[in-house]
Amino acid sequence: MNVITTFKDKQREKQIKYERSVLKDLSINKLKERVKQYFGSSRIASSFVMNTGIEEACYDVALEAYLLGAKFSKFGYYGEGIEEVKDRCYFEEKHLIDTLYNFLLYWGNGEEGTMSESLYYMCEQYINVWWREGFEKGERRHKLRLH
C-alpha cells in the first residue's frame, strides 16, 4: 500500500533537514558568549541574565534569528544585497526583536522603565548579529552546494 504525502509535508521535511544541517555549525559556547557580550555589560540586563530561564529564552530567539538569516540567504546567493534581503524578512525580524524585548521587560526587576530604549537597541543588535551570521553561513552553504 502506498503512503500519500502532501506537498506541505515534504516541504516541512526539507526545511527541518536544512535547519539541522545549518545548526551543526553553531556551538553552545558561542550562544553563551553572545548573551554575556550583549546583555552582560548593561546594569539592567546583567541582573537578570543570570536567571537560566531568561538566558535560555535569549538562546531560543538567537537560534530563530540565525535560522531566519540562513533561510533568506538563498536570495543573497542569487545576487540580492544584504539590505534588500533584510527588507524581505523585516516583519519576521521585528517580531523576534519585540519578542525578546517584551520577554526581558516582563521578567526584569522593574528598573527597565527608564532604560527601556537602550534595552530595545540591545535586543535589536543581538537579533541583527545572529541574523547576519545565519545569512553568511547559509550563503556559504549555497556556494558550496550543501543546501
N, C-alpha and C. Protein backbone atom coordinates (compact mmCIF):
# COMPACT_ATOMS: atom_id res chain seq x y z
N MET A 1 0.84 -1.17 0.00
CA MET A 1 0.00 0.00 0.00
C MET A 1 0.89 1.24 0.00
N ASN A 2 0.57 2.23 -0.77
CA ASN A 2 1.35 3.45 -0.88
C ASN A 2 0.94 4.46 0.18
N VAL A 3 1.91 5.16 0.66
CA VAL A 3 1.66 6.23 1.61
C VAL A 3 1.54 7.53 0.83
N ILE A 4 0.48 8.25 1.07
CA ILE A 4 0.25 9.51 0.37
C ILE A 4 0.76 10.65 1.25
N THR A 5 1.67 11.43 0.70
CA THR A 5 2.16 12.60 1.42
C THR A 5 1.81 13.85 0.65
N THR A 6 1.62 14.91 1.36
CA THR A 6 1.26 16.17 0.72
C THR A 6 2.52 16.99 0.46
N PHE A 7 2.35 18.01 -0.35
CA PHE A 7 3.45 18.90 -0.66
C PHE A 7 3.94 19.61 0.60
N LYS A 8 3.02 19.98 1.48
CA LYS A 8 3.39 20.67 2.72
C LYS A 8 4.24 19.77 3.61
N ASP A 9 3.92 18.48 3.66
CA ASP A 9 4.71 17.55 4.46
C ASP A 9 6.13 17.44 3.92
N LYS A 10 6.26 17.31 2.62
CA LYS A 10 7.59 17.21 2.01
C LYS A 10 8.38 18.51 2.20
N GLN A 11 7.69 19.63 2.07
CA GLN A 11 8.34 20.92 2.24
C GLN A 11 8.83 21.08 3.69
N ARG A 12 8.01 20.66 4.64
CA ARG A 12 8.40 20.75 6.05
C ARG A 12 9.58 19.83 6.35
N GLU A 13 9.59 18.62 5.80
CA GLU A 13 10.71 17.70 5.98
C GLU A 13 12.00 18.30 5.43
N LYS A 14 11.91 18.91 4.27
CA LYS A 14 13.08 19.52 3.65
C LYS A 14 13.58 20.70 4.50
N GLN A 15 12.66 21.49 5.04
CA GLN A 15 13.03 22.61 5.88
C GLN A 15 13.72 22.15 7.16
N ILE A 16 13.19 21.11 7.78
CA ILE A 16 13.79 20.58 9.00
C ILE A 16 15.18 20.03 8.72
N LYS A 17 15.33 19.34 7.62
CA LYS A 17 16.64 18.80 7.24
C LYS A 17 17.65 19.92 7.04
N TYR A 18 17.24 21.00 6.36
CA TYR A 18 18.13 22.13 6.14
C TYR A 18 18.49 22.82 7.45
N GLU A 19 17.50 23.02 8.32
CA GLU A 19 17.76 23.67 9.60
C GLU A 19 18.73 22.86 10.46
N ARG A 20 18.57 21.55 10.45
CA ARG A 20 19.50 20.70 11.20
C ARG A 20 20.92 20.82 10.66
N SER A 21 21.04 20.84 9.35
CA SER A 21 22.38 20.93 8.77
C SER A 21 23.03 22.29 9.04
N VAL A 22 22.23 23.35 9.07
CA VAL A 22 22.77 24.68 9.36
C VAL A 22 23.16 24.80 10.83
N LEU A 23 22.37 24.20 11.70
CA LEU A 23 22.64 24.32 13.14
C LEU A 23 23.86 23.52 13.58
N LYS A 24 24.35 22.62 12.75
CA LYS A 24 25.54 21.86 13.10
C LYS A 24 26.77 22.75 13.25
N ASP A 25 26.76 23.90 12.57
CA ASP A 25 27.89 24.82 12.61
C ASP A 25 27.91 25.68 13.87
N LEU A 26 26.86 25.64 14.64
CA LEU A 26 26.70 26.53 15.78
C LEU A 26 27.06 25.81 17.08
N SER A 27 27.73 26.52 18.00
CA SER A 27 28.09 25.90 19.27
C SER A 27 27.37 26.58 20.43
N ILE A 28 27.17 25.83 21.48
CA ILE A 28 26.52 26.36 22.68
C ILE A 28 27.38 27.45 23.31
N ASN A 29 28.69 27.26 23.28
CA ASN A 29 29.59 28.26 23.86
C ASN A 29 29.45 29.61 23.18
N LYS A 30 29.25 29.59 21.87
CA LYS A 30 29.08 30.84 21.14
C LYS A 30 27.80 31.54 21.56
N LEU A 31 26.74 30.77 21.77
CA LEU A 31 25.48 31.34 22.25
C LEU A 31 25.68 32.01 23.61
N LYS A 32 26.35 31.31 24.51
CA LYS A 32 26.58 31.84 25.86
C LYS A 32 27.43 33.11 25.81
N GLU A 33 28.48 33.10 24.97
CA GLU A 33 29.34 34.27 24.86
C GLU A 33 28.57 35.49 24.38
N ARG A 34 27.73 35.29 23.38
CA ARG A 34 26.99 36.42 22.82
C ARG A 34 25.98 36.98 23.82
N VAL A 35 25.35 36.12 24.60
CA VAL A 35 24.40 36.62 25.60
C VAL A 35 25.14 37.48 26.61
N LYS A 36 26.30 37.01 27.05
CA LYS A 36 27.09 37.80 28.00
C LYS A 36 27.63 39.07 27.36
N GLN A 37 27.99 38.98 26.09
CA GLN A 37 28.54 40.14 25.39
C GLN A 37 27.49 41.24 25.23
N TYR A 38 26.28 40.87 24.85
CA TYR A 38 25.26 41.87 24.59
C TYR A 38 24.47 42.28 25.81
N PHE A 39 24.21 41.35 26.71
CA PHE A 39 23.36 41.67 27.85
C PHE A 39 24.10 41.66 29.19
N GLY A 40 25.30 41.16 29.22
CA GLY A 40 26.04 41.09 30.47
C GLY A 40 26.64 42.41 30.90
N SER A 41 26.86 43.31 29.95
CA SER A 41 27.52 44.57 30.28
C SER A 41 26.57 45.63 30.81
N SER A 42 25.30 45.52 30.50
CA SER A 42 24.36 46.55 30.96
C SER A 42 23.93 46.26 32.40
N ARG A 43 23.66 47.34 33.11
CA ARG A 43 23.27 47.23 34.52
C ARG A 43 21.93 46.52 34.65
N ILE A 44 21.02 46.79 33.74
CA ILE A 44 19.68 46.18 33.80
C ILE A 44 19.74 44.71 33.50
N ALA A 45 20.30 44.42 32.35
CA ALA A 45 20.25 43.05 31.86
C ALA A 45 21.14 42.12 32.67
N SER A 46 22.24 42.62 33.18
CA SER A 46 23.15 41.73 33.91
C SER A 46 22.50 41.18 35.17
N SER A 47 21.53 41.92 35.73
CA SER A 47 20.87 41.45 36.94
C SER A 47 19.96 40.26 36.69
N PHE A 48 19.41 40.14 35.48
CA PHE A 48 18.50 39.02 35.25
C PHE A 48 18.97 38.04 34.19
N VAL A 49 20.12 38.28 33.57
CA VAL A 49 20.64 37.30 32.62
C VAL A 49 21.12 36.05 33.35
N MET A 50 21.47 36.21 34.61
CA MET A 50 21.92 35.05 35.38
C MET A 50 20.82 34.03 35.56
N ASN A 51 19.59 34.44 35.45
CA ASN A 51 18.46 33.52 35.53
C ASN A 51 18.50 32.60 34.30
N THR A 52 18.53 31.30 34.51
CA THR A 52 18.69 30.37 33.39
C THR A 52 17.51 30.39 32.43
N GLY A 53 16.31 30.65 32.92
CA GLY A 53 15.15 30.72 32.03
C GLY A 53 15.25 31.86 31.05
N ILE A 54 15.72 32.99 31.53
CA ILE A 54 15.88 34.15 30.65
C ILE A 54 17.02 33.91 29.68
N GLU A 55 18.09 33.31 30.16
CA GLU A 55 19.23 33.01 29.29
C GLU A 55 18.81 32.04 28.18
N GLU A 56 18.02 31.05 28.51
CA GLU A 56 17.53 30.10 27.51
C GLU A 56 16.60 30.76 26.51
N ALA A 57 15.82 31.72 26.96
CA ALA A 57 14.96 32.46 26.03
C ALA A 57 15.81 33.25 25.04
N CYS A 58 16.91 33.81 25.51
CA CYS A 58 17.84 34.52 24.62
C CYS A 58 18.42 33.54 23.60
N TYR A 59 18.72 32.32 24.04
CA TYR A 59 19.24 31.30 23.11
C TYR A 59 18.20 30.97 22.05
N ASP A 60 16.95 30.78 22.49
CA ASP A 60 15.88 30.42 21.56
C ASP A 60 15.69 31.48 20.48
N VAL A 61 15.66 32.73 20.90
CA VAL A 61 15.45 33.81 19.95
C VAL A 61 16.67 33.93 19.02
N ALA A 62 17.86 33.71 19.56
CA ALA A 62 19.07 33.75 18.74
C ALA A 62 19.04 32.65 17.68
N LEU A 63 18.61 31.47 18.05
CA LEU A 63 18.52 30.38 17.09
C LEU A 63 17.49 30.68 16.01
N GLU A 64 16.38 31.27 16.40
CA GLU A 64 15.36 31.64 15.40
C GLU A 64 15.89 32.68 14.43
N ALA A 65 16.62 33.67 14.95
CA ALA A 65 17.19 34.70 14.09
C ALA A 65 18.25 34.10 13.17
N TYR A 66 19.04 33.19 13.69
CA TYR A 66 20.08 32.51 12.91
C TYR A 66 19.45 31.71 11.77
N LEU A 67 18.40 30.97 12.09
CA LEU A 67 17.70 30.18 11.07
C LEU A 67 16.98 31.06 10.06
N LEU A 68 16.47 32.20 10.51
CA LEU A 68 15.83 33.13 9.59
C LEU A 68 16.84 33.67 8.59
N GLY A 69 18.02 34.04 9.08
CA GLY A 69 19.06 34.52 8.18
C GLY A 69 19.50 33.45 7.20
N ALA A 70 19.63 32.22 7.69
CA ALA A 70 20.02 31.11 6.81
C ALA A 70 18.95 30.84 5.76
N LYS A 71 17.70 30.95 6.16
CA LYS A 71 16.59 30.70 5.23
C LYS A 71 16.57 31.72 4.10
N PHE A 72 16.84 32.97 4.42
CA PHE A 72 16.80 34.03 3.42
C PHE A 72 18.12 34.21 2.69
N SER A 73 19.12 33.42 3.02
CA SER A 73 20.43 33.55 2.39
C SER A 73 20.41 33.16 0.92
N LYS A 74 19.42 32.39 0.51
CA LYS A 74 19.34 32.00 -0.90
C LYS A 74 19.17 33.21 -1.80
N PHE A 75 18.51 34.25 -1.28
CA PHE A 75 18.34 35.47 -2.08
C PHE A 75 19.68 36.20 -2.25
N GLY A 76 20.49 36.16 -1.22
CA GLY A 76 21.82 36.75 -1.31
C GLY A 76 22.70 35.98 -2.28
N TYR A 77 22.55 34.68 -2.28
CA TYR A 77 23.32 33.85 -3.20
C TYR A 77 22.95 34.17 -4.65
N TYR A 78 21.70 34.48 -4.89
CA TYR A 78 21.25 34.78 -6.24
C TYR A 78 21.42 36.24 -6.63
N GLY A 79 22.14 37.02 -5.83
CA GLY A 79 22.55 38.35 -6.25
C GLY A 79 21.96 39.54 -5.53
N GLU A 80 21.05 39.34 -4.61
CA GLU A 80 20.48 40.48 -3.88
C GLU A 80 21.46 40.92 -2.80
N GLY A 81 21.45 42.21 -2.51
CA GLY A 81 22.28 42.74 -1.44
C GLY A 81 21.70 42.38 -0.08
N ILE A 82 22.54 42.46 0.93
CA ILE A 82 22.12 42.04 2.27
C ILE A 82 20.99 42.93 2.80
N GLU A 83 21.02 44.22 2.48
CA GLU A 83 19.95 45.11 2.94
C GLU A 83 18.62 44.82 2.23
N GLU A 84 18.69 44.46 0.96
CA GLU A 84 17.46 44.09 0.25
C GLU A 84 16.86 42.82 0.83
N VAL A 85 17.73 41.89 1.19
CA VAL A 85 17.26 40.64 1.79
C VAL A 85 16.67 40.91 3.17
N LYS A 86 17.30 41.81 3.93
CA LYS A 86 16.77 42.16 5.25
C LYS A 86 15.37 42.77 5.12
N ASP A 87 15.16 43.54 4.05
CA ASP A 87 13.83 44.11 3.84
C ASP A 87 12.78 43.03 3.58
N ARG A 88 13.19 41.93 2.97
CA ARG A 88 12.26 40.82 2.71
C ARG A 88 11.73 40.20 4.00
N CYS A 89 12.58 40.13 5.00
CA CYS A 89 12.16 39.46 6.24
C CYS A 89 12.02 40.46 7.39
N TYR A 90 11.67 41.69 7.07
CA TYR A 90 11.56 42.76 8.07
C TYR A 90 10.58 42.38 9.18
N PHE A 91 9.40 41.90 8.82
CA PHE A 91 8.37 41.62 9.82
C PHE A 91 8.75 40.46 10.73
N GLU A 92 9.38 39.43 10.17
CA GLU A 92 9.82 38.30 10.99
C GLU A 92 10.91 38.73 11.97
N GLU A 93 11.84 39.54 11.47
CA GLU A 93 12.93 40.01 12.33
C GLU A 93 12.39 40.94 13.42
N LYS A 94 11.48 41.81 13.05
CA LYS A 94 10.86 42.73 14.02
C LYS A 94 10.11 41.95 15.09
N HIS A 95 9.46 40.87 14.68
CA HIS A 95 8.74 40.03 15.64
C HIS A 95 9.72 39.41 16.65
N LEU A 96 10.87 38.96 16.18
CA LEU A 96 11.86 38.37 17.08
C LEU A 96 12.40 39.42 18.06
N ILE A 97 12.67 40.62 17.56
CA ILE A 97 13.17 41.69 18.42
C ILE A 97 12.13 42.02 19.49
N ASP A 98 10.90 42.20 19.07
CA ASP A 98 9.82 42.53 20.01
C ASP A 98 9.60 41.42 21.03
N THR A 99 9.69 40.19 20.58
CA THR A 99 9.51 39.06 21.49
C THR A 99 10.57 39.06 22.58
N LEU A 100 11.83 39.22 22.19
CA LEU A 100 12.92 39.23 23.18
C LEU A 100 12.79 40.43 24.10
N TYR A 101 12.51 41.58 23.55
CA TYR A 101 12.40 42.81 24.34
C TYR A 101 11.27 42.69 25.36
N ASN A 102 10.11 42.25 24.92
CA ASN A 102 8.97 42.11 25.84
C ASN A 102 9.22 41.05 26.90
N PHE A 103 9.91 39.99 26.51
CA PHE A 103 10.24 38.95 27.49
C PHE A 103 11.17 39.51 28.56
N LEU A 104 12.19 40.25 28.13
CA LEU A 104 13.13 40.83 29.10
C LEU A 104 12.45 41.87 29.98
N LEU A 105 11.53 42.65 29.41
CA LEU A 105 10.80 43.62 30.22
C LEU A 105 9.91 42.92 31.24
N TYR A 106 9.26 41.86 30.81
CA TYR A 106 8.34 41.15 31.70
C TYR A 106 9.08 40.52 32.88
N TRP A 107 10.24 39.91 32.62
CA TRP A 107 10.96 39.22 33.67
C TRP A 107 12.01 40.08 34.34
N GLY A 108 12.05 41.35 33.99
CA GLY A 108 13.03 42.26 34.60
C GLY A 108 12.66 42.59 36.03
N ASN A 109 13.51 43.41 36.64
CA ASN A 109 13.31 43.76 38.05
C ASN A 109 12.52 45.05 38.24
N GLY A 110 12.01 45.63 37.19
CA GLY A 110 11.25 46.85 37.31
C GLY A 110 12.08 48.10 37.05
N GLU A 111 13.38 47.96 36.88
CA GLU A 111 14.25 49.11 36.63
C GLU A 111 14.27 49.50 35.16
N GLU A 112 13.65 48.72 34.32
CA GLU A 112 13.79 48.89 32.88
C GLU A 112 13.07 50.11 32.33
N GLY A 113 12.14 50.68 33.08
CA GLY A 113 11.34 51.78 32.58
C GLY A 113 12.17 52.94 32.05
N THR A 114 13.18 53.33 32.80
CA THR A 114 14.00 54.46 32.38
C THR A 114 14.99 54.09 31.30
N MET A 115 15.36 52.83 31.23
CA MET A 115 16.40 52.40 30.28
C MET A 115 15.83 51.48 29.21
N SER A 116 14.52 51.47 29.02
CA SER A 116 13.92 50.51 28.11
C SER A 116 14.33 50.73 26.66
N GLU A 117 14.61 51.98 26.30
CA GLU A 117 15.02 52.23 24.92
C GLU A 117 16.38 51.61 24.63
N SER A 118 17.30 51.73 25.56
CA SER A 118 18.61 51.12 25.36
C SER A 118 18.51 49.60 25.36
N LEU A 119 17.60 49.05 26.16
CA LEU A 119 17.38 47.60 26.16
C LEU A 119 16.84 47.15 24.82
N TYR A 120 15.95 47.94 24.23
CA TYR A 120 15.41 47.61 22.92
C TYR A 120 16.52 47.60 21.87
N TYR A 121 17.40 48.58 21.93
CA TYR A 121 18.51 48.63 20.96
C TYR A 121 19.47 47.47 21.16
N MET A 122 19.66 47.04 22.40
CA MET A 122 20.49 45.86 22.64
C MET A 122 19.85 44.62 22.02
N CYS A 123 18.54 44.49 22.18
CA CYS A 123 17.82 43.35 21.59
C CYS A 123 17.93 43.40 20.08
N GLU A 124 17.79 44.59 19.52
CA GLU A 124 17.86 44.76 18.07
C GLU A 124 19.24 44.37 17.54
N GLN A 125 20.29 44.81 18.23
CA GLN A 125 21.65 44.45 17.81
C GLN A 125 21.91 42.96 17.96
N TYR A 126 21.40 42.39 19.03
CA TYR A 126 21.57 40.96 19.28
C TYR A 126 20.92 40.13 18.17
N ILE A 127 19.70 40.46 17.80
CA ILE A 127 19.00 39.74 16.73
C ILE A 127 19.70 39.98 15.41
N ASN A 128 20.13 41.21 15.16
CA ASN A 128 20.79 41.55 13.91
C ASN A 128 22.08 40.75 13.72
N VAL A 129 22.88 40.62 14.77
CA VAL A 129 24.15 39.90 14.62
C VAL A 129 23.90 38.41 14.37
N TRP A 130 22.88 37.85 14.99
CA TRP A 130 22.57 36.44 14.75
C TRP A 130 21.98 36.24 13.36
N TRP A 131 21.16 37.18 12.92
CA TRP A 131 20.60 37.08 11.57
C TRP A 131 21.71 37.13 10.54
N ARG A 132 22.64 38.07 10.69
CA ARG A 132 23.75 38.20 9.75
C ARG A 132 24.63 36.95 9.73
N GLU A 133 24.88 36.40 10.91
CA GLU A 133 25.70 35.19 10.95
C GLU A 133 25.00 34.03 10.25
N GLY A 134 23.71 33.88 10.48
CA GLY A 134 22.95 32.84 9.78
C GLY A 134 22.93 33.07 8.29
N PHE A 135 22.80 34.33 7.89
CA PHE A 135 22.80 34.68 6.48
C PHE A 135 24.13 34.31 5.83
N GLU A 136 25.22 34.68 6.48
CA GLU A 136 26.55 34.37 5.93
C GLU A 136 26.80 32.87 5.86
N LYS A 137 26.42 32.14 6.90
CA LYS A 137 26.61 30.68 6.88
C LYS A 137 25.74 30.04 5.80
N GLY A 138 24.51 30.50 5.68
CA GLY A 138 23.62 29.95 4.66
C GLY A 138 24.11 30.26 3.26
N GLU A 139 24.60 31.46 3.06
CA GLU A 139 25.13 31.84 1.75
C GLU A 139 26.36 30.99 1.40
N ARG A 140 27.19 30.75 2.39
CA ARG A 140 28.36 29.90 2.18
C ARG A 140 27.94 28.47 1.84
N ARG A 141 26.89 27.99 2.50
CA ARG A 141 26.39 26.64 2.20
C ARG A 141 25.84 26.57 0.78
N HIS A 142 25.19 27.65 0.32
CA HIS A 142 24.69 27.67 -1.04
C HIS A 142 25.83 27.68 -2.04
N LYS A 143 26.88 28.43 -1.74
CA LYS A 143 28.02 28.48 -2.65
C LYS A 143 28.71 27.13 -2.74
N LEU A 144 28.74 26.40 -1.62
CA LEU A 144 29.36 25.07 -1.61
C LEU A 144 28.38 23.97 -2.02
N ARG A 145 27.17 24.38 -2.36
CA ARG A 145 26.09 23.46 -2.78
C ARG A 145 25.78 22.42 -1.71
N LEU A 146 25.72 22.88 -0.46
CA LEU A 146 25.38 22.00 0.66
C LEU A 146 23.92 22.17 1.10
N HIS A 147 23.16 22.95 0.36
CA HIS A 147 21.77 23.21 0.77
C HIS A 147 20.86 22.05 0.43
